[in-house]
Amino acid sequence: MRDLNTPELADASADLREAIDRCGYYPDVVTDSLEVAIAGEPIRAYVLQHEPTFDRDEVRRHITILALTSTRLIVGHTDEHAADELIRAPYASTSTEAIPLQRVNAVVVNRVVPNPAGYASGKSDPAVAGAGEVVLTIGWGMVNRIDLEPAVCADPNCEADHGYTGSVAADDISLRISAAADGPAGIQQVLEFAKALSFATSR
């Protein structure tokens, strides 16, 4: 495991390619789409999530990759689609976004820890450390979520219109990793990535 307390991390490009190949989900398509955005920079950390999506009676696959370079956050998505009226054969669509690190303004980590009384801090084995689910939310100002609800006052008999109250939260991408679906290694990987991204955006 790499020590993310140090600013210099080893180039993880080969590790990412190996993970893409191991996933087996159109590896050349996924790699080529990422290469355009990465543009030859070394990769400092990454997260790969492969998940199915359900469309009526069909199951289609989706892959999300977050890659961190020394200057940018790379976000890549690849989806598969059934044949349609325009494209007569099954096909895949990919999208990538390259975000300068100075634009990243929120790195939020929500953790669900089963059996907190038995939690063991600092354990390298995520199964021992005991995180059951991690949700990583990253914001860079492109998408904001607004939650509104009717405003009320302390008087239970008040019938006046107090307007609305709410909050605005950055929500450009949210990635949920669970030990049940992605395994303990998936939990560890997203926590390492969050730590590396937090360090990179703090400078």
N, C-alpha and C. Protein backbone atom coordinates (compact mmCIF):
# COMPACT_ATOMS: atom_id res chain seq x y z
N MET A 1 0.85 -1.19 0.00
CA MET A 1 0.00 0.00 0.00
C MET A 1 0.89 1.24 0.00
N ARG A 2 0.58 2.22 -0.85
CA ARG A 2 1.37 3.43 -0.92
C ARG A 2 1.08 4.34 0.26
N ASP A 3 2.11 5.06 0.70
CA ASP A 3 1.95 6.01 1.79
C ASP A 3 1.47 7.33 1.20
N LEU A 4 0.20 7.65 1.43
CA LEU A 4 -0.37 8.85 0.86
C LEU A 4 -0.09 10.08 1.70
N ASN A 5 0.65 9.93 2.79
CA ASN A 5 1.04 11.10 3.57
C ASN A 5 2.16 11.88 2.89
N THR A 6 2.81 11.27 1.90
CA THR A 6 3.87 11.95 1.18
C THR A 6 3.31 12.55 -0.09
N PRO A 7 3.81 13.71 -0.50
CA PRO A 7 3.25 14.38 -1.68
C PRO A 7 3.53 13.66 -2.99
N GLU A 8 4.62 12.90 -3.06
CA GLU A 8 4.98 12.23 -4.31
C GLU A 8 4.52 10.78 -4.27
N LEU A 9 3.65 10.41 -5.21
CA LEU A 9 3.16 9.05 -5.32
C LEU A 9 3.71 8.41 -6.58
N ALA A 10 3.87 7.11 -6.55
CA ALA A 10 4.35 6.40 -7.73
C ALA A 10 3.31 6.48 -8.83
N ASP A 11 3.78 6.39 -10.07
CA ASP A 11 2.88 6.41 -11.22
C ASP A 11 2.06 5.12 -11.22
N ALA A 12 0.73 5.27 -11.15
CA ALA A 12 -0.16 4.12 -11.08
C ALA A 12 -0.80 3.80 -12.43
N SER A 13 -0.24 4.32 -13.52
CA SER A 13 -0.84 4.10 -14.85
C SER A 13 -0.92 2.62 -15.19
N ALA A 14 0.16 1.87 -14.92
CA ALA A 14 0.16 0.44 -15.23
C ALA A 14 -0.83 -0.30 -14.35
N ASP A 15 -0.95 0.11 -13.08
CA ASP A 15 -1.92 -0.52 -12.18
C ASP A 15 -3.35 -0.29 -12.67
N LEU A 16 -3.62 0.93 -13.15
CA LEU A 16 -4.97 1.23 -13.66
C LEU A 16 -5.27 0.39 -14.89
N ARG A 17 -4.32 0.28 -15.78
CA ARG A 17 -4.55 -0.52 -16.98
C ARG A 17 -4.79 -1.98 -16.61
N GLU A 18 -4.04 -2.49 -15.64
CA GLU A 18 -4.24 -3.86 -15.19
C GLU A 18 -5.64 -4.03 -14.58
N ALA A 19 -6.09 -3.04 -13.82
CA ALA A 19 -7.43 -3.12 -13.22
C ALA A 19 -8.51 -3.08 -14.30
N ILE A 20 -8.31 -2.27 -15.34
CA ILE A 20 -9.27 -2.21 -16.44
C ILE A 20 -9.31 -3.54 -17.17
N ASP A 21 -8.14 -4.13 -17.42
CA ASP A 21 -8.10 -5.44 -18.08
C ASP A 21 -8.76 -6.51 -17.23
N ARG A 22 -8.50 -6.48 -15.92
CA ARG A 22 -9.09 -7.47 -15.02
C ARG A 22 -10.61 -7.34 -14.98
N CYS A 23 -11.09 -6.12 -15.07
CA CYS A 23 -12.54 -5.89 -15.09
C CYS A 23 -13.17 -6.53 -16.32
N GLY A 24 -12.47 -6.47 -17.46
CA GLY A 24 -12.95 -7.14 -18.66
C GLY A 24 -14.08 -6.44 -19.39
N TYR A 25 -14.30 -5.19 -19.09
CA TYR A 25 -15.41 -4.45 -19.69
C TYR A 25 -14.85 -3.53 -20.77
N TYR A 26 -14.81 -4.01 -22.00
CA TYR A 26 -14.29 -3.27 -23.15
C TYR A 26 -12.99 -2.54 -22.78
N PRO A 27 -11.96 -3.26 -22.36
CA PRO A 27 -10.76 -2.60 -21.81
C PRO A 27 -10.09 -1.62 -22.77
N ASP A 28 -10.05 -1.95 -24.06
CA ASP A 28 -9.38 -1.03 -24.99
C ASP A 28 -10.21 0.23 -25.19
N VAL A 29 -11.52 0.10 -25.24
CA VAL A 29 -12.39 1.28 -25.38
C VAL A 29 -12.22 2.19 -24.17
N VAL A 30 -12.26 1.60 -22.97
CA VAL A 30 -12.14 2.39 -21.74
C VAL A 30 -10.78 3.06 -21.67
N THR A 31 -9.72 2.32 -21.98
CA THR A 31 -8.36 2.87 -21.89
C THR A 31 -8.15 4.00 -22.89
N ASP A 32 -8.59 3.80 -24.13
CA ASP A 32 -8.40 4.83 -25.15
C ASP A 32 -9.15 6.11 -24.81
N SER A 33 -10.35 5.97 -24.24
CA SER A 33 -11.11 7.17 -23.88
C SER A 33 -10.42 7.94 -22.76
N LEU A 34 -9.83 7.22 -21.81
CA LEU A 34 -9.12 7.89 -20.72
C LEU A 34 -7.83 8.55 -21.19
N GLU A 35 -7.14 7.93 -22.15
CA GLU A 35 -5.86 8.46 -22.59
C GLU A 35 -6.00 9.86 -23.17
N VAL A 36 -7.13 10.14 -23.81
CA VAL A 36 -7.35 11.47 -24.37
C VAL A 36 -7.35 12.52 -23.26
N ALA A 37 -8.03 12.21 -22.14
CA ALA A 37 -8.12 13.17 -21.04
C ALA A 37 -6.85 13.22 -20.21
N ILE A 38 -6.22 12.07 -20.00
CA ILE A 38 -5.02 12.02 -19.16
C ILE A 38 -3.84 12.71 -19.86
N ALA A 39 -3.77 12.59 -21.17
CA ALA A 39 -2.78 13.31 -21.99
C ALA A 39 -1.35 13.08 -21.53
N GLY A 40 -1.04 11.85 -21.14
CA GLY A 40 0.33 11.49 -20.82
C GLY A 40 0.80 11.81 -19.42
N GLU A 41 -0.02 12.42 -18.59
CA GLU A 41 0.38 12.70 -17.20
C GLU A 41 0.43 11.42 -16.39
N PRO A 42 1.35 11.30 -15.46
CA PRO A 42 1.34 10.15 -14.55
C PRO A 42 0.09 10.16 -13.68
N ILE A 43 -0.42 8.98 -13.39
CA ILE A 43 -1.60 8.84 -12.53
C ILE A 43 -1.13 8.60 -11.11
N ARG A 44 -1.61 9.41 -10.18
CA ARG A 44 -1.18 9.32 -8.78
C ARG A 44 -2.08 8.40 -7.97
N ALA A 45 -3.34 8.33 -8.30
CA ALA A 45 -4.29 7.46 -7.60
C ALA A 45 -5.50 7.29 -8.51
N TYR A 46 -6.27 6.23 -8.26
CA TYR A 46 -7.45 6.00 -9.08
C TYR A 46 -8.48 5.18 -8.31
N VAL A 47 -9.70 5.26 -8.80
CA VAL A 47 -10.80 4.41 -8.33
C VAL A 47 -11.51 3.89 -9.56
N LEU A 48 -11.81 2.60 -9.58
CA LEU A 48 -12.56 1.99 -10.67
C LEU A 48 -13.78 1.29 -10.08
N GLN A 49 -14.96 1.61 -10.60
CA GLN A 49 -16.18 0.93 -10.16
C GLN A 49 -16.92 0.40 -11.38
N HIS A 50 -17.16 -0.89 -11.36
CA HIS A 50 -17.90 -1.56 -12.44
C HIS A 50 -19.23 -2.01 -11.87
N GLU A 51 -20.32 -1.52 -12.43
CA GLU A 51 -21.63 -1.85 -11.88
C GLU A 51 -22.65 -2.05 -12.99
N PRO A 52 -23.63 -2.92 -12.75
CA PRO A 52 -24.71 -3.09 -13.73
C PRO A 52 -25.77 -2.03 -13.55
N THR A 53 -26.42 -1.69 -14.64
CA THR A 53 -27.60 -0.82 -14.58
C THR A 53 -28.77 -1.61 -15.17
N PHE A 54 -29.95 -1.38 -14.64
CA PHE A 54 -31.12 -2.13 -15.05
C PHE A 54 -32.05 -1.25 -15.86
N ASP A 55 -32.36 -1.69 -17.07
CA ASP A 55 -33.25 -0.97 -17.97
C ASP A 55 -34.37 -1.91 -18.38
N ARG A 56 -35.50 -1.80 -17.65
CA ARG A 56 -36.63 -2.71 -17.85
C ARG A 56 -36.17 -4.15 -17.65
N ASP A 57 -36.18 -4.96 -18.70
CA ASP A 57 -35.82 -6.37 -18.53
C ASP A 57 -34.39 -6.65 -18.97
N GLU A 58 -33.60 -5.59 -19.17
CA GLU A 58 -32.23 -5.77 -19.62
C GLU A 58 -31.25 -5.28 -18.56
N VAL A 59 -30.11 -5.95 -18.50
CA VAL A 59 -29.03 -5.54 -17.61
C VAL A 59 -27.89 -5.01 -18.48
N ARG A 60 -27.49 -3.78 -18.23
CA ARG A 60 -26.39 -3.19 -18.96
C ARG A 60 -25.31 -2.77 -17.98
N ARG A 61 -24.10 -2.77 -18.46
CA ARG A 61 -22.98 -2.48 -17.57
C ARG A 61 -22.54 -1.03 -17.68
N HIS A 62 -21.94 -0.56 -16.60
CA HIS A 62 -21.44 0.81 -16.53
C HIS A 62 -20.14 0.80 -15.74
N ILE A 63 -19.18 1.56 -16.20
CA ILE A 63 -17.93 1.67 -15.47
C ILE A 63 -17.63 3.15 -15.24
N THR A 64 -17.22 3.45 -14.01
CA THR A 64 -16.79 4.80 -13.65
C THR A 64 -15.35 4.72 -13.18
N ILE A 65 -14.52 5.62 -13.69
CA ILE A 65 -13.12 5.69 -13.27
C ILE A 65 -12.80 7.12 -12.86
N LEU A 66 -12.24 7.26 -11.68
CA LEU A 66 -11.69 8.53 -11.23
C LEU A 66 -10.18 8.37 -11.20
N ALA A 67 -9.46 9.27 -11.85
CA ALA A 67 -8.01 9.21 -11.88
C ALA A 67 -7.46 10.57 -11.47
N LEU A 68 -6.44 10.54 -10.63
CA LEU A 68 -5.83 11.77 -10.13
C LEU A 68 -4.43 11.91 -10.71
N THR A 69 -4.17 13.04 -11.37
CA THR A 69 -2.82 13.37 -11.80
C THR A 69 -2.30 14.48 -10.89
N SER A 70 -1.12 14.97 -11.17
CA SER A 70 -0.56 16.03 -10.33
C SER A 70 -1.27 17.36 -10.52
N THR A 71 -2.04 17.50 -11.61
CA THR A 71 -2.69 18.78 -11.88
C THR A 71 -4.20 18.69 -12.05
N ARG A 72 -4.72 17.47 -12.30
CA ARG A 72 -6.13 17.37 -12.67
C ARG A 72 -6.80 16.14 -12.07
N LEU A 73 -8.12 16.24 -11.97
CA LEU A 73 -8.97 15.10 -11.66
C LEU A 73 -9.64 14.66 -12.96
N ILE A 74 -9.48 13.40 -13.31
CA ILE A 74 -10.08 12.86 -14.53
C ILE A 74 -11.27 12.00 -14.14
N VAL A 75 -12.42 12.24 -14.77
CA VAL A 75 -13.63 11.46 -14.53
C VAL A 75 -14.05 10.81 -15.84
N GLY A 76 -14.14 9.50 -15.84
CA GLY A 76 -14.52 8.78 -17.05
C GLY A 76 -15.70 7.86 -16.81
N HIS A 77 -16.62 7.83 -17.77
CA HIS A 77 -17.77 6.94 -17.72
C HIS A 77 -17.85 6.17 -19.03
N THR A 78 -18.18 4.90 -18.95
CA THR A 78 -18.44 4.09 -20.14
C THR A 78 -19.72 3.28 -19.90
N ASP A 79 -20.64 3.35 -20.85
CA ASP A 79 -21.90 2.62 -20.79
C ASP A 79 -22.05 1.77 -22.02
N GLU A 80 -22.77 0.66 -21.87
CA GLU A 80 -23.11 -0.14 -23.05
C GLU A 80 -24.59 0.02 -23.34
N HIS A 81 -24.93 -0.07 -24.63
CA HIS A 81 -26.29 0.15 -25.08
C HIS A 81 -26.69 -0.96 -26.04
N ALA A 82 -27.98 -1.26 -26.04
CA ALA A 82 -28.50 -2.21 -27.00
C ALA A 82 -28.65 -1.54 -28.37
N ALA A 83 -28.77 -2.35 -29.40
CA ALA A 83 -28.99 -1.81 -30.74
C ALA A 83 -30.28 -0.99 -30.76
N ASP A 84 -30.28 0.05 -31.57
CA ASP A 84 -31.48 0.89 -31.69
C ASP A 84 -31.70 1.23 -33.16
N GLU A 85 -32.57 2.19 -33.42
CA GLU A 85 -32.93 2.52 -34.79
C GLU A 85 -31.77 3.17 -35.56
N LEU A 86 -30.90 3.86 -34.84
CA LEU A 86 -29.79 4.54 -35.51
C LEU A 86 -28.57 3.65 -35.63
N ILE A 87 -28.27 2.90 -34.56
CA ILE A 87 -27.11 2.00 -34.56
C ILE A 87 -27.64 0.58 -34.43
N ARG A 88 -27.43 -0.22 -35.45
CA ARG A 88 -28.08 -1.53 -35.55
C ARG A 88 -27.39 -2.61 -34.73
N ALA A 89 -26.25 -2.33 -34.15
CA ALA A 89 -25.53 -3.31 -33.33
C ALA A 89 -25.34 -2.74 -31.93
N PRO A 90 -25.18 -3.60 -30.93
CA PRO A 90 -24.88 -3.09 -29.59
C PRO A 90 -23.64 -2.20 -29.61
N TYR A 91 -23.63 -1.16 -28.79
CA TYR A 91 -22.51 -0.23 -28.82
C TYR A 91 -22.23 0.31 -27.42
N ALA A 92 -21.07 0.94 -27.28
CA ALA A 92 -20.67 1.56 -26.02
C ALA A 92 -20.50 3.05 -26.23
N SER A 93 -20.80 3.82 -25.21
CA SER A 93 -20.56 5.27 -25.24
C SER A 93 -19.65 5.63 -24.08
N THR A 94 -18.73 6.54 -24.33
CA THR A 94 -17.79 6.95 -23.30
C THR A 94 -17.79 8.47 -23.17
N SER A 95 -17.50 8.94 -21.97
CA SER A 95 -17.32 10.37 -21.75
C SER A 95 -16.21 10.56 -20.72
N THR A 96 -15.42 11.59 -20.90
CA THR A 96 -14.37 11.93 -19.95
C THR A 96 -14.42 13.42 -19.67
N GLU A 97 -14.02 13.77 -18.47
CA GLU A 97 -13.93 15.18 -18.07
C GLU A 97 -12.63 15.36 -17.31
N ALA A 98 -11.91 16.41 -17.63
CA ALA A 98 -10.66 16.74 -16.95
C ALA A 98 -10.85 18.03 -16.18
N ILE A 99 -10.74 17.96 -14.85
CA ILE A 99 -11.00 19.10 -13.99
C ILE A 99 -9.69 19.55 -13.35
N PRO A 100 -9.27 20.79 -13.54
CA PRO A 100 -8.08 21.28 -12.84
C PRO A 100 -8.28 21.19 -11.32
N LEU A 101 -7.24 20.80 -10.61
CA LEU A 101 -7.38 20.58 -9.17
C LEU A 101 -7.80 21.84 -8.43
N GLN A 102 -7.42 23.02 -8.93
CA GLN A 102 -7.80 24.23 -8.23
C GLN A 102 -9.31 24.50 -8.30
N ARG A 103 -10.01 23.81 -9.20
CA ARG A 103 -11.46 23.98 -9.28
C ARG A 103 -12.20 23.05 -8.34
N VAL A 104 -11.55 22.01 -7.83
CA VAL A 104 -12.21 21.08 -6.91
C VAL A 104 -12.41 21.78 -5.58
N ASN A 105 -13.67 21.96 -5.19
CA ASN A 105 -13.95 22.73 -3.96
C ASN A 105 -14.61 21.90 -2.88
N ALA A 106 -14.83 20.62 -3.12
CA ALA A 106 -15.45 19.79 -2.09
C ALA A 106 -15.04 18.34 -2.29
N VAL A 107 -14.54 17.73 -1.22
CA VAL A 107 -14.27 16.30 -1.19
C VAL A 107 -14.95 15.77 0.07
N VAL A 108 -16.08 15.11 -0.12
CA VAL A 108 -16.90 14.67 1.00
C VAL A 108 -16.85 13.15 1.08
N VAL A 109 -16.53 12.61 2.25
CA VAL A 109 -16.49 11.17 2.46
C VAL A 109 -17.50 10.81 3.54
N ASN A 110 -18.51 10.04 3.19
CA ASN A 110 -19.47 9.51 4.15
C ASN A 110 -19.20 8.01 4.32
N ARG A 111 -19.04 7.59 5.57
CA ARG A 111 -18.72 6.19 5.85
C ARG A 111 -19.80 5.57 6.72
N VAL A 112 -20.14 4.34 6.42
CA VAL A 112 -21.01 3.53 7.27
C VAL A 112 -20.13 2.45 7.87
N VAL A 113 -20.05 2.43 9.20
CA VAL A 113 -19.16 1.50 9.89
C VAL A 113 -19.99 0.54 10.73
N PRO A 114 -20.12 -0.72 10.31
CA PRO A 114 -20.84 -1.69 11.14
C PRO A 114 -20.04 -2.04 12.39
N ASN A 115 -20.75 -2.35 13.45
CA ASN A 115 -20.11 -2.72 14.71
C ASN A 115 -19.04 -1.72 15.12
N PRO A 116 -19.43 -0.46 15.34
CA PRO A 116 -18.43 0.57 15.65
C PRO A 116 -17.64 0.29 16.92
N ALA A 117 -18.21 -0.48 17.85
CA ALA A 117 -17.48 -0.79 19.07
C ALA A 117 -16.24 -1.63 18.78
N GLY A 118 -16.27 -2.39 17.69
CA GLY A 118 -15.13 -3.22 17.33
C GLY A 118 -14.24 -2.62 16.27
N TYR A 119 -14.47 -1.33 15.97
CA TYR A 119 -13.68 -0.66 14.93
C TYR A 119 -12.21 -0.58 15.35
N ALA A 120 -11.33 -0.92 14.40
CA ALA A 120 -9.90 -0.91 14.68
C ALA A 120 -9.23 0.13 13.79
N SER A 121 -8.87 1.26 14.36
CA SER A 121 -8.27 2.34 13.60
C SER A 121 -6.86 1.98 13.15
N GLY A 122 -6.55 2.39 11.91
CA GLY A 122 -5.19 2.22 11.43
C GLY A 122 -4.87 0.85 10.88
N LYS A 123 -5.84 -0.04 10.83
CA LYS A 123 -5.57 -1.37 10.28
C LYS A 123 -5.46 -1.29 8.77
N SER A 124 -4.49 -1.98 8.21
CA SER A 124 -4.31 -1.95 6.76
C SER A 124 -5.35 -2.81 6.06
N ASP A 125 -5.87 -3.81 6.73
CA ASP A 125 -6.87 -4.68 6.13
C ASP A 125 -8.24 -4.03 6.31
N PRO A 126 -8.92 -3.62 5.21
CA PRO A 126 -10.21 -2.95 5.35
C PRO A 126 -11.26 -3.83 6.00
N ALA A 127 -11.13 -5.15 5.88
CA ALA A 127 -12.09 -6.02 6.54
C ALA A 127 -11.96 -5.91 8.06
N VAL A 128 -10.70 -5.73 8.53
CA VAL A 128 -10.47 -5.55 9.95
C VAL A 128 -10.87 -4.15 10.39
N ALA A 129 -10.54 -3.16 9.54
CA ALA A 129 -10.86 -1.77 9.87
C ALA A 129 -12.36 -1.57 10.00
N GLY A 130 -13.15 -2.28 9.22
CA GLY A 130 -14.58 -2.34 9.47
C GLY A 130 -15.45 -1.33 8.78
N ALA A 131 -15.04 -0.75 7.66
CA ALA A 131 -15.92 0.14 6.91
C ALA A 131 -16.82 -0.69 6.01
N GLY A 132 -18.13 -0.55 6.16
CA GLY A 132 -19.05 -1.33 5.36
C GLY A 132 -19.49 -0.64 4.08
N GLU A 133 -19.41 0.70 4.07
CA GLU A 133 -19.84 1.45 2.90
C GLU A 133 -19.19 2.83 2.93
N VAL A 134 -18.79 3.30 1.77
CA VAL A 134 -18.22 4.63 1.64
C VAL A 134 -18.88 5.32 0.45
N VAL A 135 -19.31 6.56 0.65
CA VAL A 135 -19.83 7.38 -0.44
C VAL A 135 -18.89 8.57 -0.58
N LEU A 136 -18.24 8.67 -1.73
CA LEU A 136 -17.33 9.77 -2.03
C LEU A 136 -18.05 10.74 -2.96
N THR A 137 -18.20 11.98 -2.50
CA THR A 137 -18.83 13.02 -3.31
C THR A 137 -17.80 14.11 -3.58
N ILE A 138 -17.65 14.47 -4.84
CA ILE A 138 -16.67 15.47 -5.25
C ILE A 138 -17.40 16.59 -5.99
N GLY A 139 -17.10 17.81 -5.63
CA GLY A 139 -17.71 18.95 -6.29
C GLY A 139 -16.68 19.88 -6.88
N TRP A 140 -16.97 20.37 -8.08
CA TRP A 140 -16.09 21.37 -8.71
C TRP A 140 -16.90 22.49 -9.37
N GLY A 141 -18.15 22.63 -8.95
CA GLY A 141 -18.92 23.80 -9.35
C GLY A 141 -19.73 23.68 -10.62
N MET A 142 -19.73 22.50 -11.24
CA MET A 142 -20.53 22.33 -12.45
C MET A 142 -21.97 21.98 -12.13
N VAL A 143 -22.19 21.17 -11.08
CA VAL A 143 -23.53 20.74 -10.70
C VAL A 143 -23.74 21.05 -9.23
N ASN A 144 -24.83 21.75 -8.92
CA ASN A 144 -25.20 22.02 -7.54
C ASN A 144 -26.59 21.47 -7.29
N ARG A 145 -26.76 20.83 -6.15
CA ARG A 145 -28.06 20.29 -5.77
C ARG A 145 -28.72 21.25 -4.78
N ILE A 146 -29.98 21.59 -5.05
CA ILE A 146 -30.73 22.49 -4.18
C ILE A 146 -31.84 21.69 -3.51
N ASP A 147 -31.85 21.67 -2.19
CA ASP A 147 -32.89 21.00 -1.41
C ASP A 147 -33.74 22.07 -0.73
N LEU A 148 -35.03 22.12 -1.08
CA LEU A 148 -35.94 23.11 -0.53
C LEU A 148 -37.06 22.43 0.24
N GLU A 149 -37.54 23.12 1.27
CA GLU A 149 -38.70 22.65 2.02
C GLU A 149 -39.43 23.87 2.58
N PRO A 150 -40.71 23.76 2.82
CA PRO A 150 -41.45 24.91 3.36
C PRO A 150 -40.88 25.32 4.72
N ALA A 151 -40.71 26.62 4.89
CA ALA A 151 -40.22 27.14 6.17
C ALA A 151 -41.37 27.22 7.16
N VAL A 152 -41.07 26.95 8.40
CA VAL A 152 -42.08 26.98 9.46
C VAL A 152 -41.54 27.80 10.63
N CYS A 153 -42.46 28.23 11.49
CA CYS A 153 -42.04 28.94 12.69
C CYS A 153 -42.35 28.08 13.91
N ALA A 154 -42.01 28.59 15.08
CA ALA A 154 -42.17 27.80 16.31
C ALA A 154 -43.62 27.70 16.77
N ASP A 155 -44.50 28.55 16.23
CA ASP A 155 -45.91 28.55 16.65
C ASP A 155 -46.66 27.44 15.92
N PRO A 156 -47.13 26.41 16.62
CA PRO A 156 -47.83 25.31 15.93
C PRO A 156 -49.17 25.73 15.33
N ASN A 157 -49.72 26.85 15.75
CA ASN A 157 -51.01 27.31 15.23
C ASN A 157 -50.86 28.34 14.12
N CYS A 158 -49.63 28.67 13.77
CA CYS A 158 -49.40 29.69 12.75
C CYS A 158 -49.76 29.15 11.37
N GLU A 159 -50.52 29.95 10.63
CA GLU A 159 -50.92 29.55 9.28
C GLU A 159 -50.31 30.46 8.22
N ALA A 160 -49.37 31.31 8.62
CA ALA A 160 -48.76 32.24 7.67
C ALA A 160 -47.81 31.50 6.73
N ASP A 161 -47.63 32.09 5.57
CA ASP A 161 -46.70 31.55 4.59
C ASP A 161 -45.30 32.10 4.89
N HIS A 162 -44.41 31.24 5.30
CA HIS A 162 -43.06 31.66 5.64
C HIS A 162 -42.07 31.41 4.50
N GLY A 163 -42.57 31.09 3.33
CA GLY A 163 -41.69 30.84 2.20
C GLY A 163 -41.00 29.50 2.30
N TYR A 164 -39.79 29.45 1.78
CA TYR A 164 -39.05 28.19 1.75
C TYR A 164 -37.67 28.37 2.37
N THR A 165 -37.15 27.28 2.85
CA THR A 165 -35.77 27.24 3.33
C THR A 165 -35.08 26.05 2.69
N GLY A 166 -33.79 26.12 2.59
CA GLY A 166 -33.10 25.00 1.95
C GLY A 166 -31.61 25.17 1.99
N SER A 167 -30.95 24.32 1.22
CA SER A 167 -29.50 24.33 1.19
C SER A 167 -29.03 24.01 -0.22
N VAL A 168 -27.83 24.48 -0.54
CA VAL A 168 -27.21 24.21 -1.82
C VAL A 168 -25.94 23.41 -1.56
N ALA A 169 -25.80 22.29 -2.24
CA ALA A 169 -24.63 21.44 -2.04
C ALA A 169 -24.01 21.08 -3.39
N ALA A 170 -22.68 21.09 -3.44
CA ALA A 170 -21.97 20.65 -4.65
C ALA A 170 -22.14 19.15 -4.81
N ASP A 171 -22.49 18.72 -6.00
CA ASP A 171 -22.76 17.30 -6.22
C ASP A 171 -22.44 16.93 -7.66
N ASP A 172 -21.19 17.19 -8.07
CA ASP A 172 -20.81 16.89 -9.45
C ASP A 172 -20.71 15.40 -9.70
N ILE A 173 -20.17 14.66 -8.74
CA ILE A 173 -20.15 13.21 -8.86
C ILE A 173 -20.20 12.60 -7.48
N SER A 174 -20.95 11.52 -7.37
CA SER A 174 -21.05 10.80 -6.11
C SER A 174 -20.86 9.32 -6.41
N LEU A 175 -19.90 8.70 -5.73
CA LEU A 175 -19.56 7.31 -5.97
C LEU A 175 -19.78 6.51 -4.69
N ARG A 176 -20.62 5.49 -4.77
CA ARG A 176 -20.92 4.66 -3.61
C ARG A 176 -20.23 3.32 -3.76
N ILE A 177 -19.40 2.99 -2.77
CA ILE A 177 -18.67 1.73 -2.74
C ILE A 177 -19.08 0.98 -1.48
N SER A 178 -19.50 -0.26 -1.64
CA SER A 178 -19.88 -1.05 -0.47
C SER A 178 -19.04 -2.31 -0.41
N ALA A 179 -18.79 -2.77 0.81
CA ALA A 179 -18.02 -4.00 0.99
C ALA A 179 -18.76 -5.19 0.39
N ALA A 180 -20.09 -5.17 0.46
CA ALA A 180 -20.87 -6.30 -0.07
C ALA A 180 -20.77 -6.41 -1.58
N ALA A 181 -20.82 -5.26 -2.28
CA ALA A 181 -20.82 -5.28 -3.75
C ALA A 181 -19.42 -5.22 -4.33
N ASP A 182 -18.54 -4.43 -3.73
CA ASP A 182 -17.22 -4.16 -4.30
C ASP A 182 -16.08 -4.80 -3.54
N GLY A 183 -16.38 -5.39 -2.39
CA GLY A 183 -15.35 -6.06 -1.61
C GLY A 183 -14.57 -5.09 -0.73
N PRO A 184 -13.90 -5.60 0.30
CA PRO A 184 -13.09 -4.75 1.18
C PRO A 184 -12.02 -3.96 0.44
N ALA A 185 -11.46 -4.55 -0.62
CA ALA A 185 -10.43 -3.84 -1.38
C ALA A 185 -11.00 -2.60 -2.05
N GLY A 186 -12.26 -2.68 -2.48
CA GLY A 186 -12.90 -1.51 -3.08
C GLY A 186 -13.07 -0.38 -2.08
N ILE A 187 -13.40 -0.75 -0.83
CA ILE A 187 -13.50 0.25 0.24
C ILE A 187 -12.15 0.92 0.46
N GLN A 188 -11.11 0.12 0.55
CA GLN A 188 -9.77 0.66 0.80
C GLN A 188 -9.34 1.56 -0.35
N GLN A 189 -9.65 1.16 -1.57
CA GLN A 189 -9.23 1.93 -2.73
C GLN A 189 -9.87 3.32 -2.74
N VAL A 190 -11.16 3.40 -2.45
CA VAL A 190 -11.82 4.70 -2.50
C VAL A 190 -11.35 5.59 -1.35
N LEU A 191 -11.03 4.99 -0.20
CA LEU A 191 -10.51 5.79 0.92
C LEU A 191 -9.12 6.33 0.60
N GLU A 192 -8.29 5.51 -0.04
CA GLU A 192 -6.97 5.98 -0.44
C GLU A 192 -7.09 7.10 -1.46
N PHE A 193 -8.01 6.94 -2.40
CA PHE A 193 -8.19 7.97 -3.42
C PHE A 193 -8.66 9.27 -2.78
N ALA A 194 -9.62 9.19 -1.87
CA ALA A 194 -10.13 10.39 -1.20
C ALA A 194 -9.02 11.09 -0.44
N LYS A 195 -8.15 10.31 0.20
CA LYS A 195 -7.04 10.90 0.94
C LYS A 195 -6.07 11.61 -0.02
N ALA A 196 -5.76 10.96 -1.14
CA ALA A 196 -4.84 11.56 -2.11
C ALA A 196 -5.44 12.82 -2.70
N LEU A 197 -6.73 12.79 -3.03
CA LEU A 197 -7.38 13.97 -3.62
C LEU A 197 -7.45 15.11 -2.61
N SER A 198 -7.76 14.79 -1.35
CA SER A 198 -7.80 15.81 -0.31
C SER A 198 -6.44 16.47 -0.14
N PHE A 199 -5.38 15.65 -0.16
CA PHE A 199 -4.03 16.20 -0.05
C PHE A 199 -3.71 17.09 -1.24
N ALA A 200 -4.05 16.63 -2.45
CA ALA A 200 -3.72 17.38 -3.67
C ALA A 200 -4.44 18.73 -3.72
N THR A 201 -5.67 18.76 -3.23
CA THR A 201 -6.44 20.01 -3.31
C THR A 201 -6.18 20.92 -2.12
N SER A 202 -5.39 20.47 -1.15
CA SER A 202 -5.08 21.32 0.00
C SER A 202 -3.88 22.21 -0.23
N ARG A 203 -3.14 21.94 -1.30
CA ARG A 203 -1.92 22.70 -1.55
C ARG A 203 -2.24 23.98 -2.32
